[in-house]
Amino acid sequence: MSITEKNGFQQWRRNLNSRIRARRIDARNQTLYGPHAPQFAERLWVPTAELQYAVKAGSSKDSARVIDQWPANRVIRVIDIDTIRACLQHWRDGVSWEDTGIIERMMRHIREHGKVDRLRTLAQVDARYDELDRLFESVIRAGQLSPRQDLIAGNVREEGGPLVHIGPDGAPYFGRKGHHRLAIALAGNLDYLPAQLGVVHVDGLSGLMRLRSCEPGIDQRQPA
């Protein structure tokens, strides 16, 4: 288990709560938007090349919420995100983690807030980035990132995966969760990223239908 993952009991409790949430949200959305409505924690295989922009438009718990307002003023380029940029420098250009500045940023956050991603010490931060190097190498060998259900027993759909919102233009926007996995997909030139559906703008519902068809032969709609 990753150093930043929930422990067994925490995961069990999240799975239970998420199944209850999924049934409630799925039922509501189907009533409002029909049989092809967004599903809570729905897995999408998003073309990595389409993830050019990022926006904080809701959390994982807001998954499948249909919205009519869009924070266009908060949209930024993915490559301008510090964590993404540091990962690309490390995995593409061979810069050490220390020289990317990301270790110091993590430690500064810990000094100010006590922890970050369940990490509290320099040793834990170093261990996390060693772990990410091993993950990157294993993903490159496999040629793709694994869906969450393949990694964690009982995981609800793609909950906990990189968060991807769908904007009013129908395009996918990185939801600022799952930075390292997105960076692995970018640095490894992977075609697709398994992602958890975030919020969907009402004008972008057709974009959801398009993204559901991005990996031929796979039914994207998953039972809770």
C-alpha atoms as a PDB file:
ATOM      1  CA  MET A   1       0.000   0.000   0.000  1.00  0.00           C
ATOM      2  CA  SER A   2       1.241   3.462  -0.862  1.00  0.00           C
ATOM      3  CA  ILE A   3       2.417   5.603   2.037  1.00  0.00           C
ATOM      4  CA  THR A   4      -0.276   8.152   1.127  1.00  0.00           C
ATOM      5  CA  GLU A   5      -3.181   5.682   0.770  1.00  0.00           C
ATOM      6  CA  LYS A   6      -5.851   5.123   3.396  1.00  0.00           C
ATOM      7  CA  ASN A   7      -5.436   2.164   5.748  1.00  0.00           C
ATOM      8  CA  GLY A   8      -7.697  -0.880   5.543  1.00  0.00           C
ATOM      9  CA  PHE A   9     -10.429   0.387   7.846  1.00  0.00           C
ATOM     10  CA  GLN A  10     -10.415   3.868   6.337  1.00  0.00           C
ATOM     11  CA  GLN A  11     -10.740   2.383   2.850  1.00  0.00           C
ATOM     12  CA  TRP A  12     -13.573   0.069   3.942  1.00  0.00           C
ATOM     13  CA  ARG A  13     -15.453   2.996   5.475  1.00  0.00           C
ATOM     14  CA  ARG A  14     -14.935   5.135   2.366  1.00  0.00           C
ATOM     15  CA  ASN A  15     -16.139   2.311   0.116  1.00  0.00           C
ATOM     16  CA  LEU A  16     -19.314   1.928   2.177  1.00  0.00           C
ATOM     17  CA  ASN A  17     -20.075   5.645   2.231  1.00  0.00           C
ATOM     18  CA  SER A  18     -19.276   5.955  -1.464  1.00  0.00           C
ATOM     19  CA  ARG A  19     -21.634   3.161  -2.466  1.00  0.00           C
ATOM     20  CA  ILE A  20     -24.435   4.896  -0.592  1.00  0.00           C
ATOM     21  CA  ARG A  21     -23.510   8.218  -2.214  1.00  0.00           C
ATOM     22  CA  ALA A  22     -23.288   6.616  -5.669  1.00  0.00           C
ATOM     23  CA  ARG A  23     -26.777   5.125  -5.473  1.00  0.00           C
ATOM     24  CA  ARG A  24     -28.251   8.440  -4.355  1.00  0.00           C
ATOM     25  CA  ILE A  25     -26.450  10.570  -6.944  1.00  0.00           C
ATOM     26  CA  ASP A  26     -26.944   8.114  -9.804  1.00  0.00           C
ATOM     27  CA  ALA A  27     -30.684   7.889  -9.118  1.00  0.00           C
ATOM     28  CA  ARG A  28     -31.057  11.665  -8.964  1.00  0.00           C
ATOM     29  CA  ASN A  29     -29.071  12.232 -12.154  1.00  0.00           C
ATOM     30  CA  GLN A  30     -30.994   9.587 -14.067  1.00  0.00           C
ATOM     31  CA  THR A  31     -34.246  11.257 -13.072  1.00  0.00           C
ATOM     32  CA  LEU A  32     -32.983  14.622 -14.287  1.00  0.00           C
ATOM     33  CA  TYR A  33     -30.830  13.666 -17.288  1.00  0.00           C
ATOM     34  CA  GLY A  34     -31.960  10.221 -18.389  1.00  0.00           C
ATOM     35  CA  PRO A  35     -30.244   6.813 -18.657  1.00  0.00           C
ATOM     36  CA  HIS A  36     -26.919   8.233 -19.860  1.00  0.00           C
ATOM     37  CA  ALA A  37     -26.581  10.681 -16.970  1.00  0.00           C
ATOM     38  CA  PRO A  38     -23.243  11.176 -15.191  1.00  0.00           C
ATOM     39  CA  GLN A  39     -22.401   8.568 -12.555  1.00  0.00           C
ATOM     40  CA  PHE A  40     -20.675   9.180  -9.255  1.00  0.00           C
ATOM     41  CA  ALA A  41     -16.952   8.254  -9.440  1.00  0.00           C
ATOM     42  CA  GLU A  42     -17.437   7.127 -13.025  1.00  0.00           C
ATOM     43  CA  ARG A  43     -14.244   6.002 -14.736  1.00  0.00           C
ATOM     44  CA  LEU A  44     -13.254   7.755 -17.925  1.00  0.00           C
ATOM     45  CA  TRP A  45     -10.297   6.886 -20.123  1.00  0.00           C
ATOM     46  CA  VAL A  46      -9.301  10.426 -20.972  1.00  0.00           C
ATOM     47  CA  PRO A  47      -6.916  11.057 -23.874  1.00  0.00           C
ATOM     48  CA  THR A  48      -3.856  12.452 -22.129  1.00  0.00           C
ATOM     49  CA  ALA A  49      -3.192  14.916 -24.928  1.00  0.00           C
ATOM     50  CA  GLU A  50      -6.568  16.580 -24.255  1.00  0.00           C
ATOM     51  CA  LEU A  51      -5.669  17.490 -20.679  1.00  0.00           C
ATOM     52  CA  GLN A  52      -4.173  20.870 -21.478  1.00  0.00           C
ATOM     53  CA  TYR A  53      -5.974  22.895 -18.813  1.00  0.00           C
ATOM     54  CA  ALA A  54      -6.822  22.564 -15.128  1.00  0.00           C
ATOM     55  CA  VAL A  55      -9.433  24.108 -12.865  1.00  0.00           C
ATOM     56  CA  LYS A  56     -10.562  23.738  -9.267  1.00  0.00           C
ATOM     57  CA  ALA A  57     -14.311  23.328  -9.780  1.00  0.00           C
ATOM     58  CA  GLY A  58     -15.239  20.813  -7.088  1.00  0.00           C
ATOM     59  CA  SER A  59     -13.893  17.920  -5.037  1.00  0.00           C
ATOM     60  CA  SER A  60     -14.121  14.159  -5.493  1.00  0.00           C
ATOM     61  CA  LYS A  61     -17.310  14.190  -3.433  1.00  0.00           C
ATOM     62  CA  ASP A  62     -18.845  16.456  -6.083  1.00  0.00           C
ATOM     63  CA  SER A  63     -18.324  13.760  -8.714  1.00  0.00           C
ATOM     64  CA  ALA A  64     -21.138  13.649 -11.313  1.00  0.00           C
ATOM     65  CA  ARG A  65     -22.680  16.910 -10.103  1.00  0.00           C
ATOM     66  CA  VAL A  66     -24.101  18.834 -13.049  1.00  0.00           C
ATOM     67  CA  ILE A  67     -23.413  22.554 -12.799  1.00  0.00           C
ATOM     68  CA  ASP A  68     -24.493  25.643 -14.723  1.00  0.00           C
ATOM     69  CA  GLN A  69     -21.699  27.980 -13.575  1.00  0.00           C
ATOM     70  CA  TRP A  70     -18.080  27.598 -14.684  1.00  0.00           C
ATOM     71  CA  PRO A  71     -15.038  29.219 -12.978  1.00  0.00           C
ATOM     72  CA  ALA A  72     -13.368  30.329 -16.210  1.00  0.00           C
ATOM     73  CA  ASN A  73     -11.238  32.831 -14.310  1.00  0.00           C
ATOM     74  CA  ARG A  74      -9.543  29.972 -12.419  1.00  0.00           C
ATOM     75  CA  VAL A  75      -8.525  27.926 -15.469  1.00  0.00           C
ATOM     76  CA  ILE A  76      -4.751  27.492 -15.815  1.00  0.00           C
ATOM     77  CA  ARG A  77      -2.451  25.482 -18.044  1.00  0.00           C
ATOM     78  CA  VAL A  78      -1.546  22.046 -16.712  1.00  0.00           C
ATOM     79  CA  ILE A  79       2.143  22.634 -17.402  1.00  0.00           C
ATOM     80  CA  ASP A  80       2.055  25.699 -15.143  1.00  0.00           C
ATOM     81  CA  ILE A  81       1.205  23.605 -12.068  1.00  0.00           C
ATOM     82  CA  ASP A  82       4.297  23.356  -9.841  1.00  0.00           C
ATOM     83  CA  THR A  83       3.946  19.629  -9.107  1.00  0.00           C
ATOM     84  CA  ILE A  84       3.391  18.720 -12.760  1.00  0.00           C
ATOM     85  CA  ARG A  85       6.334  20.852 -13.863  1.00  0.00           C
ATOM     86  CA  ALA A  86       8.642  19.294 -11.244  1.00  0.00           C
ATOM     87  CA  CYS A  87       7.646  15.766 -12.231  1.00  0.00           C
ATOM     88  CA  LEU A  88       8.253  16.452 -15.907  1.00  0.00           C
ATOM     89  CA  GLN A  89      11.644  17.950 -15.112  1.00  0.00           C
ATOM     90  CA  HIS A  90      12.537  14.831 -13.143  1.00  0.00           C
ATOM     91  CA  TRP A  91      11.174  12.106 -15.414  1.00  0.00           C
ATOM     92  CA  ARG A  92      11.743  13.761 -18.783  1.00  0.00           C
ATOM     93  CA  ASP A  93      14.876  15.807 -18.174  1.00  0.00           C
ATOM     94  CA  GLY A  94      16.629  13.819 -15.429  1.00  0.00           C
ATOM     95  CA  VAL A  95      16.631  16.630 -12.854  1.00  0.00           C
ATOM     96  CA  SER A  96      16.881  15.349  -9.274  1.00  0.00           C
ATOM     97  CA  TRP A  97      13.815  15.712  -7.088  1.00  0.00           C
ATOM     98  CA  GLU A  98      15.762  18.065  -4.840  1.00  0.00           C
ATOM     99  CA  ASP A  99      16.774  20.313  -7.723  1.00  0.00           C
ATOM    100  CA  THR A 100      13.196  20.571  -8.994  1.00  0.00           C
ATOM    101  CA  GLY A 101      12.340  22.301  -5.707  1.00  0.00           C
ATOM    102  CA  ILE A 102       9.453  19.997  -4.928  1.00  0.00           C
ATOM    103  CA  ILE A 103      11.011  18.489  -1.793  1.00  0.00           C
ATOM    104  CA  GLU A 104      11.504  21.922  -0.246  1.00  0.00           C
ATOM    105  CA  ARG A 105       7.933  22.933  -1.173  1.00  0.00           C
ATOM    106  CA  MET A 106       6.622  19.803   0.542  1.00  0.00           C
ATOM    107  CA  MET A 107       8.701  20.445   3.653  1.00  0.00           C
ATOM    108  CA  ARG A 108       7.613  24.083   3.776  1.00  0.00           C
ATOM    109  CA  HIS A 109       3.990  22.967   3.685  1.00  0.00           C
ATOM    110  CA  ILE A 110       4.662  20.470   6.490  1.00  0.00           C
ATOM    111  CA  ARG A 111       6.301  23.162   8.605  1.00  0.00           C
ATOM    112  CA  GLU A 112       3.329  25.458   8.093  1.00  0.00           C
ATOM    113  CA  HIS A 113       0.483  22.939   8.293  1.00  0.00           C
ATOM    114  CA  GLY A 114       1.867  19.850  10.027  1.00  0.00           C
ATOM    115  CA  LYS A 115       1.437  17.439   7.136  1.00  0.00           C
ATOM    116  CA  VAL A 116       0.783  17.086   3.427  1.00  0.00           C
ATOM    117  CA  ASP A 117      -0.761  13.987   1.803  1.00  0.00           C
ATOM    118  CA  ARG A 118      -0.399  12.191   5.181  1.00  0.00           C
ATOM    119  CA  LEU A 119       3.355  12.912   5.156  1.00  0.00           C
ATOM    120  CA  ARG A 120       4.917  14.571   8.193  1.00  0.00           C
ATOM    121  CA  THR A 121       8.716  14.110   7.935  1.00  0.00           C
ATOM    122  CA  LEU A 122      11.512  14.487   5.393  1.00  0.00           C
ATOM    123  CA  ALA A 123      12.072  10.724   5.524  1.00  0.00           C
ATOM    124  CA  GLN A 124       8.441  10.136   4.553  1.00  0.00           C
ATOM    125  CA  VAL A 125       8.649  12.680   1.742  1.00  0.00           C
ATOM    126  CA  ASP A 126      11.831  11.039   0.392  1.00  0.00           C
ATOM    127  CA  ALA A 127      10.173   7.618   0.630  1.00  0.00           C
ATOM    128  CA  ARG A 128       7.149   8.936  -1.265  1.00  0.00           C
ATOM    129  CA  TYR A 129       9.243  10.183  -4.169  1.00  0.00           C
ATOM    130  CA  ASP A 130      11.244   6.944  -4.278  1.00  0.00           C
ATOM    131  CA  GLU A 131       7.893   5.181  -4.463  1.00  0.00           C
ATOM    132  CA  LEU A 132       6.799   7.427  -7.312  1.00  0.00           C
ATOM    133  CA  ASP A 133       9.966   6.586  -9.240  1.00  0.00           C
ATOM    134  CA  ARG A 134       9.170   2.888  -8.885  1.00  0.00           C
ATOM    135  CA  LEU A 135       5.589   3.530  -9.978  1.00  0.00           C
ATOM    136  CA  PHE A 136       6.763   5.465 -13.019  1.00  0.00           C
ATOM    137  CA  GLU A 137       9.080   2.634 -14.040  1.00  0.00           C
ATOM    138  CA  SER A 138       6.351   0.003 -13.610  1.00  0.00           C
ATOM    139  CA  VAL A 139       3.846   2.064 -15.597  1.00  0.00           C
ATOM    140  CA  ILE A 140       6.301   2.550 -18.439  1.00  0.00           C
ATOM    141  CA  ARG A 141       6.871  -1.205 -18.554  1.00  0.00           C
ATOM    142  CA  ALA A 142       3.110  -1.867 -18.558  1.00  0.00           C
ATOM    143  CA  GLY A 143       2.335   0.894 -21.043  1.00  0.00           C
ATOM    144  CA  GLN A 144      -0.586   2.260 -19.028  1.00  0.00           C
ATOM    145  CA  LEU A 145      -1.783   3.311 -15.600  1.00  0.00           C
ATOM    146  CA  SER A 146      -4.036   0.814 -13.846  1.00  0.00           C
ATOM    147  CA  PRO A 147      -7.606   1.705 -12.860  1.00  0.00           C
ATOM    148  CA  ARG A 148      -8.231   2.093  -9.135  1.00  0.00           C
ATOM    149  CA  GLN A 149     -10.380  -1.042  -8.944  1.00  0.00           C
ATOM    150  CA  ASP A 150      -7.353  -3.053 -10.100  1.00  0.00           C
ATOM    151  CA  LEU A 151      -5.216  -1.559  -7.336  1.00  0.00           C
ATOM    152  CA  ILE A 152      -7.510  -1.458  -4.289  1.00  0.00           C
ATOM    153  CA  ALA A 153      -9.942  -4.230  -3.422  1.00  0.00           C
ATOM    154  CA  GLY A 154     -13.511  -3.016  -3.262  1.00  0.00           C
ATOM    155  CA  ASN A 155     -12.741   0.457  -4.579  1.00  0.00           C
ATOM    156  CA  VAL A 156     -15.864   2.173  -5.868  1.00  0.00           C
ATOM    157  CA  ARG A 157     -15.437   2.678  -9.598  1.00  0.00           C
ATOM    158  CA  GLU A 158     -12.566   5.145 -10.140  1.00  0.00           C
ATOM    159  CA  GLU A 159     -12.867   6.967  -6.802  1.00  0.00           C
ATOM    160  CA  GLY A 160      -9.486   8.287  -5.714  1.00  0.00           C
ATOM    161  CA  GLY A 161      -8.191   8.515  -9.260  1.00  0.00           C
ATOM    162  CA  PRO A 162      -7.154  11.724 -11.022  1.00  0.00           C
ATOM    163  CA  LEU A 163     -10.132  14.056 -11.076  1.00  0.00           C
ATOM    164  CA  VAL A 164     -11.353  15.336 -14.434  1.00  0.00           C
ATOM    165  CA  HIS A 165     -14.152  17.878 -14.873  1.00  0.00           C
ATOM    166  CA  ILE A 166     -16.027  18.474 -18.109  1.00  0.00           C
ATOM    167  CA  GLY A 167     -16.393  22.097 -19.082  1.00  0.00           C
ATOM    168  CA  PRO A 168     -19.095  23.935 -21.026  1.00  0.00           C
ATOM    169  CA  ASP A 169     -17.114  23.304 -24.215  1.00  0.00           C
ATOM    170  CA  GLY A 170     -17.278  19.536 -23.602  1.00  0.00           C
ATOM    171  CA  ALA A 171     -13.523  19.368 -23.028  1.00  0.00           C
ATOM    172  CA  PRO A 172     -11.867  17.595 -20.083  1.00  0.00           C
ATOM    173  CA  TYR A 173     -10.176  19.750 -17.440  1.00  0.00           C
ATOM    174  CA  PHE A 174      -7.787  18.357 -14.831  1.00  0.00           C
ATOM    175  CA  GLY A 175      -9.434  18.846 -11.435  1.00  0.00           C
ATOM    176  CA  ARG A 176      -6.222  19.397  -9.429  1.00  0.00           C
ATOM    177  CA  LYS A 177      -6.306  15.942  -7.805  1.00  0.00           C
ATOM    178  CA  GLY A 178      -4.001  13.130  -8.909  1.00  0.00           C
ATOM    179  CA  HIS A 179      -1.100  15.341 -10.013  1.00  0.00           C
ATOM    180  CA  HIS A 180       1.518  12.590  -9.940  1.00  0.00           C
ATOM    181  CA  ARG A 181      -0.517  10.140 -11.997  1.00  0.00           C
ATOM    182  CA  LEU A 182      -1.252  12.784 -14.601  1.00  0.00           C
ATOM    183  CA  ALA A 183       2.452  13.681 -14.673  1.00  0.00           C
ATOM    184  CA  ILE A 184       3.331  10.013 -15.191  1.00  0.00           C
ATOM    185  CA  ALA A 185       0.924   9.856 -18.138  1.00  0.00           C
ATOM    186  CA  LEU A 186       2.420  13.019 -19.629  1.00  0.00           C
ATOM    187  CA  ALA A 187       6.054  12.074 -19.057  1.00  0.00           C
ATOM    188  CA  GLY A 188       5.463   8.531 -20.274  1.00  0.00           C
ATOM    189  CA  ASN A 189       3.574   9.657 -23.388  1.00  0.00           C
ATOM    190  CA  LEU A 190       0.636   7.446 -22.440  1.00  0.00           C
ATOM    191  CA  ASP A 191      -2.381   7.649 -24.701  1.00  0.00           C
ATOM    192  CA  TYR A 192      -4.992   7.499 -21.941  1.00  0.00           C
ATOM    193  CA  LEU A 193      -5.395   8.350 -18.278  1.00  0.00           C
ATOM    194  CA  PRO A 194      -7.945   6.463 -16.134  1.00  0.00           C
ATOM    195  CA  ALA A 195      -9.722   9.274 -14.312  1.00  0.00           C
ATOM    196  CA  GLN A 196     -12.587   9.869 -11.919  1.00  0.00           C
ATOM    197  CA  LEU A 197     -15.363  12.022 -13.305  1.00  0.00           C
ATOM    198  CA  GLY A 198     -15.627  15.340 -11.505  1.00  0.00           C
ATOM    199  CA  VAL A 199     -18.331  17.925 -12.145  1.00  0.00           C
ATOM    200  CA  VAL A 200     -19.989  18.263 -15.531  1.00  0.00           C
ATOM    201  CA  HIS A 201     -21.208  21.554 -16.944  1.00  0.00           C
ATOM    202  CA  VAL A 202     -24.741  21.185 -18.282  1.00  0.00           C
ATOM    203  CA  ASP A 203     -23.576  22.403 -21.708  1.00  0.00           C
ATOM    204  CA  GLY A 204     -20.823  19.777 -21.707  1.00  0.00           C
ATOM    205  CA  LEU A 205     -22.937  16.657 -21.261  1.00  0.00           C
ATOM    206  CA  SER A 206     -22.289  15.672 -24.869  1.00  0.00           C
ATOM    207  CA  GLY A 207     -18.576  15.778 -24.056  1.00  0.00           C
ATOM    208  CA  LEU A 208     -19.139  13.130 -21.404  1.00  0.00           C
ATOM    209  CA  MET A 209     -20.713  10.859 -24.010  1.00  0.00           C
ATOM    210  CA  ARG A 210     -17.704  11.368 -26.275  1.00  0.00           C
ATOM    211  CA  LEU A 211     -15.206  10.588 -23.517  1.00  0.00           C
ATOM    212  CA  ARG A 212     -17.088   7.415 -22.624  1.00  0.00           C
ATOM    213  CA  SER A 213     -16.249   6.104 -26.087  1.00  0.00           C
ATOM    214  CA  CYS A 214     -12.540   6.914 -25.931  1.00  0.00           C
ATOM    215  CA  GLU A 215     -11.502   3.326 -25.265  1.00  0.00           C
ATOM    216  CA  PRO A 216     -13.338   1.110 -27.774  1.00  0.00           C
ATOM    217  CA  GLY A 217     -14.896  -2.082 -26.515  1.00  0.00           C
ATOM    218  CA  ILE A 218     -15.180  -1.059 -22.882  1.00  0.00           C
ATOM    219  CA  ASP A 219     -18.469  -0.176 -21.224  1.00  0.00           C
ATOM    220  CA  GLN A 220     -17.555   2.840 -19.156  1.00  0.00           C
ATOM    221  CA  ARG A 221     -20.631   2.705 -16.932  1.00  0.00           C
ATOM    222  CA  GLN A 222     -19.849   0.702 -13.816  1.00  0.00           C
ATOM    223  CA  PRO A 223     -22.153  -0.734 -11.141  1.00  0.00           C
ATOM    224  CA  ALA A 224     -21.800   0.710  -7.664  1.00  0.00           C
END
